[in-house]
């Protein structure tokens, strides 16, 4: 299977952003609040639309990050000089990592 190219990723992101822009300009709902009663007895229809729009926007932003975020370069996490320090920090062993401010020896 071919890897997804930058051009395809950019096209998907642009389509998602334009789709969200069109949904945000909801001119087709402007007169609907006059004809619909309150949803669940307290919420105007336009407000409920924007609550759902906000949830959709969060999902689309997550999807954009997944689509457009670049992969890290190969080997970026390998061969660091401070591997022992990293291991001590992961295990929470501050004395061995010498981050407590005390001097050894």
N, C-alpha and C. Protein backbone atom coordinates (compact mmCIF):
# COMPACT_ATOMS: atom_id res chain seq x y z
N UNK A 1 0.84 -1.18 0.00
CA UNK A 1 0.00 0.00 0.00
C UNK A 1 0.88 1.24 0.00
N UNK A 2 0.55 2.19 -0.83
CA UNK A 2 1.33 3.43 -0.95
C UNK A 2 1.11 4.34 0.25
N UNK A 3 2.15 5.01 0.73
CA UNK A 3 1.94 5.97 1.81
C UNK A 3 1.17 7.19 1.30
N UNK A 4 0.44 7.80 2.19
CA UNK A 4 -0.35 8.97 1.83
C UNK A 4 0.59 10.15 1.65
N UNK A 5 0.49 10.82 0.53
CA UNK A 5 1.39 11.92 0.22
C UNK A 5 0.94 13.20 0.92
N UNK A 6 1.85 14.16 0.95
CA UNK A 6 1.55 15.45 1.56
C UNK A 6 0.40 16.15 0.84
N UNK A 7 0.35 16.02 -0.47
CA UNK A 7 -0.69 16.67 -1.25
C UNK A 7 -2.08 16.15 -0.88
N UNK A 8 -2.19 14.85 -0.69
CA UNK A 8 -3.46 14.25 -0.30
C UNK A 8 -3.84 14.70 1.11
N UNK A 9 -2.87 14.70 2.03
CA UNK A 9 -3.14 15.15 3.40
C UNK A 9 -3.61 16.60 3.41
N UNK A 10 -2.93 17.46 2.65
CA UNK A 10 -3.30 18.87 2.59
C UNK A 10 -4.70 19.04 2.01
N UNK A 11 -5.03 18.27 1.00
CA UNK A 11 -6.36 18.33 0.40
C UNK A 11 -7.43 17.94 1.42
N UNK A 12 -7.19 16.88 2.17
CA UNK A 12 -8.14 16.45 3.20
C UNK A 12 -8.33 17.52 4.27
N UNK A 13 -7.25 18.14 4.71
CA UNK A 13 -7.33 19.19 5.73
C UNK A 13 -8.12 20.38 5.18
N UNK A 14 -7.85 20.78 3.96
CA UNK A 14 -8.57 21.91 3.36
C UNK A 14 -10.05 21.60 3.24
N UNK A 15 -10.40 20.39 2.83
CA UNK A 15 -11.82 20.00 2.73
C UNK A 15 -12.49 20.04 4.10
N UNK A 16 -11.81 19.54 5.12
CA UNK A 16 -12.37 19.56 6.47
C UNK A 16 -12.58 20.99 6.97
N UNK A 17 -11.60 21.86 6.75
CA UNK A 17 -11.71 23.24 7.22
C UNK A 17 -12.82 23.97 6.46
N UNK A 18 -12.89 23.79 5.14
CA UNK A 18 -13.96 24.44 4.38
C UNK A 18 -15.35 23.91 4.78
N UNK A 19 -15.43 22.62 5.05
CA UNK A 19 -16.70 22.05 5.52
C UNK A 19 -17.12 22.64 6.85
N UNK A 20 -16.17 22.80 7.76
CA UNK A 20 -16.49 23.42 9.05
C UNK A 20 -16.89 24.88 8.87
N UNK A 21 -16.24 25.58 7.95
CA UNK A 21 -16.59 26.97 7.67
C UNK A 21 -18.03 27.07 7.17
N UNK A 22 -18.39 26.19 6.25
CA UNK A 22 -19.76 26.22 5.73
C UNK A 22 -20.78 25.88 6.81
N UNK A 23 -20.46 24.92 7.66
CA UNK A 23 -21.38 24.58 8.75
C UNK A 23 -21.49 25.71 9.77
N UNK A 24 -20.42 26.46 9.96
CA UNK A 24 -20.44 27.55 10.94
C UNK A 24 -21.36 28.68 10.47
N UNK A 25 -21.38 28.95 9.20
CA UNK A 25 -22.26 29.99 8.64
C UNK A 25 -23.62 29.39 8.34
N UNK A 26 -24.34 29.09 9.38
CA UNK A 26 -25.60 28.34 9.25
C UNK A 26 -26.75 29.28 8.93
N UNK A 27 -26.70 29.91 7.79
CA UNK A 27 -27.76 30.85 7.41
C UNK A 27 -29.10 30.17 7.23
N UNK A 28 -29.10 28.87 6.97
CA UNK A 28 -30.36 28.15 6.76
C UNK A 28 -31.12 27.96 8.07
N UNK A 29 -30.50 28.16 9.24
CA UNK A 29 -31.18 28.01 10.53
C UNK A 29 -31.67 29.35 11.09
N UNK A 30 -31.35 30.46 10.48
CA UNK A 30 -31.60 31.76 11.09
C UNK A 30 -33.08 32.00 11.41
N UNK A 31 -33.97 31.61 10.56
CA UNK A 31 -35.39 31.84 10.80
C UNK A 31 -36.07 30.65 11.50
N UNK A 32 -35.34 29.60 11.74
CA UNK A 32 -35.94 28.40 12.30
C UNK A 32 -36.32 28.56 13.76
N UNK A 33 -35.61 29.39 14.51
CA UNK A 33 -35.93 29.57 15.93
C UNK A 33 -37.32 30.17 16.13
N UNK A 34 -37.80 30.92 15.16
CA UNK A 34 -39.14 31.51 15.27
C UNK A 34 -40.22 30.43 15.19
N UNK A 35 -39.93 29.34 14.49
CA UNK A 35 -40.95 28.32 14.22
C UNK A 35 -40.83 27.10 15.14
N UNK A 36 -39.68 26.87 15.72
CA UNK A 36 -39.50 25.69 16.58
C UNK A 36 -39.58 26.08 18.04
N UNK A 37 -40.20 25.24 18.84
CA UNK A 37 -40.19 25.51 20.28
C UNK A 37 -38.81 25.22 20.86
N UNK A 38 -38.65 25.51 22.12
CA UNK A 38 -37.38 25.22 22.78
C UNK A 38 -37.16 23.72 22.84
N UNK A 39 -35.93 23.29 22.59
CA UNK A 39 -35.60 21.87 22.70
C UNK A 39 -35.45 21.53 24.17
N UNK A 40 -36.02 20.46 24.59
CA UNK A 40 -36.01 19.98 25.97
C UNK A 40 -36.54 21.04 26.94
N UNK A 41 -37.31 21.97 26.41
CA UNK A 41 -37.96 22.96 27.26
C UNK A 41 -37.11 24.14 27.67
N UNK A 42 -35.82 24.17 27.31
CA UNK A 42 -34.98 25.29 27.78
C UNK A 42 -33.96 25.77 26.75
N UNK A 43 -33.71 25.03 25.71
CA UNK A 43 -32.60 25.36 24.81
C UNK A 43 -33.11 25.75 23.41
N UNK A 44 -32.80 26.98 22.97
CA UNK A 44 -33.17 27.34 21.60
C UNK A 44 -32.45 26.44 20.59
N UNK A 45 -33.09 26.23 19.45
CA UNK A 45 -32.54 25.32 18.46
C UNK A 45 -31.16 25.77 17.98
N UNK A 46 -30.99 27.06 17.74
CA UNK A 46 -29.70 27.57 17.24
C UNK A 46 -28.58 27.31 18.25
N UNK A 47 -28.88 27.44 19.53
CA UNK A 47 -27.86 27.18 20.55
C UNK A 47 -27.49 25.70 20.57
N UNK A 48 -28.47 24.83 20.46
CA UNK A 48 -28.16 23.39 20.44
C UNK A 48 -27.35 23.03 19.21
N UNK A 49 -27.62 23.72 18.08
CA UNK A 49 -26.83 23.49 16.87
C UNK A 49 -25.36 23.83 17.13
N UNK A 50 -25.10 24.94 17.81
CA UNK A 50 -23.72 25.33 18.05
C UNK A 50 -23.05 24.49 19.13
N UNK A 51 -23.82 23.92 20.03
CA UNK A 51 -23.23 22.95 20.97
C UNK A 51 -22.74 21.73 20.20
N UNK A 52 -23.57 21.23 19.32
CA UNK A 52 -23.15 20.09 18.49
C UNK A 52 -22.01 20.48 17.55
N UNK A 53 -22.04 21.71 17.04
CA UNK A 53 -20.96 22.19 16.17
C UNK A 53 -19.63 22.23 16.93
N UNK A 54 -19.66 22.66 18.18
CA UNK A 54 -18.43 22.71 18.98
C UNK A 54 -17.86 21.31 19.19
N UNK A 55 -18.73 20.34 19.45
CA UNK A 55 -18.26 18.96 19.60
C UNK A 55 -17.68 18.43 18.29
N UNK A 56 -18.34 18.75 17.19
CA UNK A 56 -17.82 18.35 15.88
C UNK A 56 -16.48 19.03 15.59
N UNK A 57 -16.34 20.30 15.96
CA UNK A 57 -15.09 21.03 15.74
C UNK A 57 -13.95 20.38 16.52
N UNK A 58 -14.21 19.94 17.75
CA UNK A 58 -13.18 19.26 18.52
C UNK A 58 -12.76 17.96 17.84
N UNK A 59 -13.73 17.21 17.34
CA UNK A 59 -13.42 15.95 16.64
C UNK A 59 -12.64 16.22 15.35
N UNK A 60 -13.01 17.26 14.62
CA UNK A 60 -12.32 17.59 13.38
C UNK A 60 -10.89 18.05 13.67
N UNK A 61 -10.70 18.83 14.72
CA UNK A 61 -9.34 19.26 15.08
C UNK A 61 -8.47 18.05 15.44
N UNK A 62 -9.03 17.09 16.16
CA UNK A 62 -8.30 15.86 16.47
C UNK A 62 -7.93 15.13 15.19
N UNK A 63 -8.86 15.06 14.26
CA UNK A 63 -8.61 14.38 12.99
C UNK A 63 -7.56 15.12 12.17
N UNK A 64 -7.60 16.45 12.17
CA UNK A 64 -6.60 17.22 11.43
C UNK A 64 -5.21 16.97 11.99
N UNK A 65 -5.09 16.91 13.32
CA UNK A 65 -3.79 16.64 13.92
C UNK A 65 -3.31 15.25 13.52
N UNK A 66 -4.21 14.27 13.53
CA UNK A 66 -3.83 12.91 13.13
C UNK A 66 -3.41 12.85 11.66
N UNK A 67 -4.08 13.61 10.81
CA UNK A 67 -3.78 13.58 9.38
C UNK A 67 -2.50 14.35 9.06
N UNK A 68 -2.37 15.55 9.62
CA UNK A 68 -1.33 16.47 9.17
C UNK A 68 -0.06 16.44 10.01
N UNK A 69 -0.08 15.85 11.19
CA UNK A 69 1.11 15.86 12.04
C UNK A 69 2.21 15.01 11.41
N UNK A 70 3.40 15.57 11.25
CA UNK A 70 4.46 14.79 10.60
C UNK A 70 5.00 13.70 11.52
N UNK A 71 5.51 12.66 10.91
CA UNK A 71 6.16 11.59 11.66
C UNK A 71 7.52 12.08 12.15
N UNK A 72 7.94 11.66 13.34
CA UNK A 72 9.27 12.08 13.79
C UNK A 72 10.35 11.42 12.95
N UNK A 73 11.51 12.07 12.81
CA UNK A 73 12.59 11.46 12.04
C UNK A 73 13.02 10.13 12.66
N UNK A 74 13.48 9.23 11.80
CA UNK A 74 13.90 7.91 12.30
C UNK A 74 15.11 8.07 13.21
N UNK A 75 15.10 7.31 14.29
CA UNK A 75 16.24 7.29 15.20
C UNK A 75 16.32 8.47 16.14
N UNK A 76 15.27 9.27 16.22
CA UNK A 76 15.35 10.44 17.08
C UNK A 76 15.37 10.05 18.56
N UNK A 77 14.79 8.91 18.89
CA UNK A 77 14.73 8.49 20.27
C UNK A 77 15.81 7.47 20.62
N UNK A 78 16.67 7.16 19.69
CA UNK A 78 17.69 6.14 19.94
C UNK A 78 19.05 6.79 20.10
N UNK A 79 19.90 6.16 20.91
CA UNK A 79 21.29 6.56 21.02
C UNK A 79 21.54 7.86 21.76
N UNK A 80 20.68 8.20 22.70
CA UNK A 80 20.95 9.40 23.48
C UNK A 80 22.07 9.13 24.46
N UNK A 81 22.82 10.15 24.80
CA UNK A 81 23.95 9.99 25.71
C UNK A 81 23.49 9.76 27.14
N UNK A 82 22.33 10.24 27.47
CA UNK A 82 21.85 10.18 28.85
C UNK A 82 20.83 9.07 29.04
N UNK A 83 21.07 7.90 28.46
CA UNK A 83 20.10 6.82 28.58
C UNK A 83 19.92 6.39 30.03
N UNK A 84 21.01 6.36 30.81
CA UNK A 84 20.87 5.98 32.21
C UNK A 84 20.06 7.03 32.97
N UNK A 85 20.30 8.30 32.69
CA UNK A 85 19.54 9.36 33.33
C UNK A 85 18.08 9.25 32.96
N UNK A 86 17.79 8.97 31.69
CA UNK A 86 16.41 8.81 31.25
C UNK A 86 15.75 7.64 31.97
N UNK A 87 16.45 6.52 32.09
CA UNK A 87 15.89 5.36 32.78
C UNK A 87 15.61 5.68 34.24
N UNK A 88 16.51 6.41 34.90
CA UNK A 88 16.30 6.77 36.29
C UNK A 88 15.10 7.71 36.44
N UNK A 89 14.96 8.64 35.51
CA UNK A 89 13.83 9.56 35.58
C UNK A 89 12.51 8.84 35.36
N UNK A 90 12.51 7.85 34.45
CA UNK A 90 11.29 7.09 34.19
C UNK A 90 10.89 6.31 35.43
N UNK A 91 11.87 5.74 36.11
CA UNK A 91 11.58 4.94 37.31
C UNK A 91 11.32 5.82 38.53
N UNK A 92 11.55 7.13 38.43
CA UNK A 92 11.33 8.01 39.56
C UNK A 92 12.44 7.98 40.58
N UNK A 93 13.60 7.49 40.18
CA UNK A 93 14.73 7.38 41.09
C UNK A 93 15.55 8.68 41.01
N UNK A 94 15.13 9.69 41.76
CA UNK A 94 15.77 11.00 41.68
C UNK A 94 17.17 10.99 42.27
N UNK A 95 17.41 10.15 43.27
CA UNK A 95 18.74 10.12 43.87
C UNK A 95 19.78 9.65 42.86
N UNK A 96 19.43 8.62 42.09
CA UNK A 96 20.36 8.12 41.08
C UNK A 96 20.49 9.11 39.92
N UNK A 97 19.41 9.81 39.61
CA UNK A 97 19.46 10.78 38.53
C UNK A 97 20.15 12.07 38.96
N UNK A 98 20.39 12.21 40.26
CA UNK A 98 21.08 13.37 40.83
C UNK A 98 20.34 14.66 40.52
N UNK A 99 19.02 14.64 40.72
CA UNK A 99 18.22 15.83 40.54
C UNK A 99 17.72 16.39 41.86
N UNK A 100 18.20 15.83 42.96
CA UNK A 100 17.74 16.27 44.28
C UNK A 100 18.52 17.47 44.78
N UNK A 101 19.57 17.85 44.11
CA UNK A 101 20.38 18.98 44.54
C UNK A 101 21.56 18.56 45.40
N UNK A 102 21.61 17.30 45.78
CA UNK A 102 22.74 16.81 46.59
C UNK A 102 23.88 16.43 45.67
N UNK A 103 25.09 16.66 46.15
CA UNK A 103 26.26 16.29 45.38
C UNK A 103 26.74 14.91 45.78
N UNK A 104 27.15 14.15 44.78
CA UNK A 104 27.68 12.81 45.07
C UNK A 104 29.19 12.91 45.25
N UNK A 105 29.67 12.11 46.20
CA UNK A 105 31.11 11.92 46.36
C UNK A 105 31.77 13.05 46.96
